[in-house]
């Protein structure tokens, strides 16, 4: 691939996008947007809009967005459509990695809390601290009362990632299950966007 391609990526997906690009020999400039914006989806839209304005005059033959909707309720799509920039399909990054597995898991057990490797590794900061559970642990049952299990959608089922997923499940008092899904879903979608 010789075209210069810029990819505005969710911070939770950026490492995977870079790893896939290296493996496939794609030359991508990956611009990560902070993953904590998931707690404030309006920030996703604002940052993506800002990056689109910066990248448009930078000589890229193609600009892509490595985001699902991520709680923006279509606002991200509106910004991207105005710029003619495609994004990954799906409501959340879980769908990007494993749409069918996610649908099956939620149909079988609607109270499923989903984890990716990134969320498992950063759970203390992205969930516990961000929700204030480190200061108010009594809120745990309020936040997670409807959940019955944690399902880790493992991209890399290493011992360290498994331990992180277990710590996350323990922190919210739920049993942990695992499905190895890898990065194939994301890789397939990226290849499709690049070929479009």
Foldseek 3Di string as FASTA:
>chain_A
DPFAEEEEEEQLCQVVVVVLCVVVVHHYHYHYDYNLCLVVVVVVQVVVLVVLVVVVVVRGPAYEYAFELSPVVCSNVVSCVVSVYYYFYDNGVVCLQPVPVVVVVCVVPVQEAEAELSCLQCVCPSPCVVVVCVPVVVCLCVVRVSHAAYEYAYQPPDPVSVVSNVVNCVSSVHYYDYDHRHNVSNSVRVVVSVVD
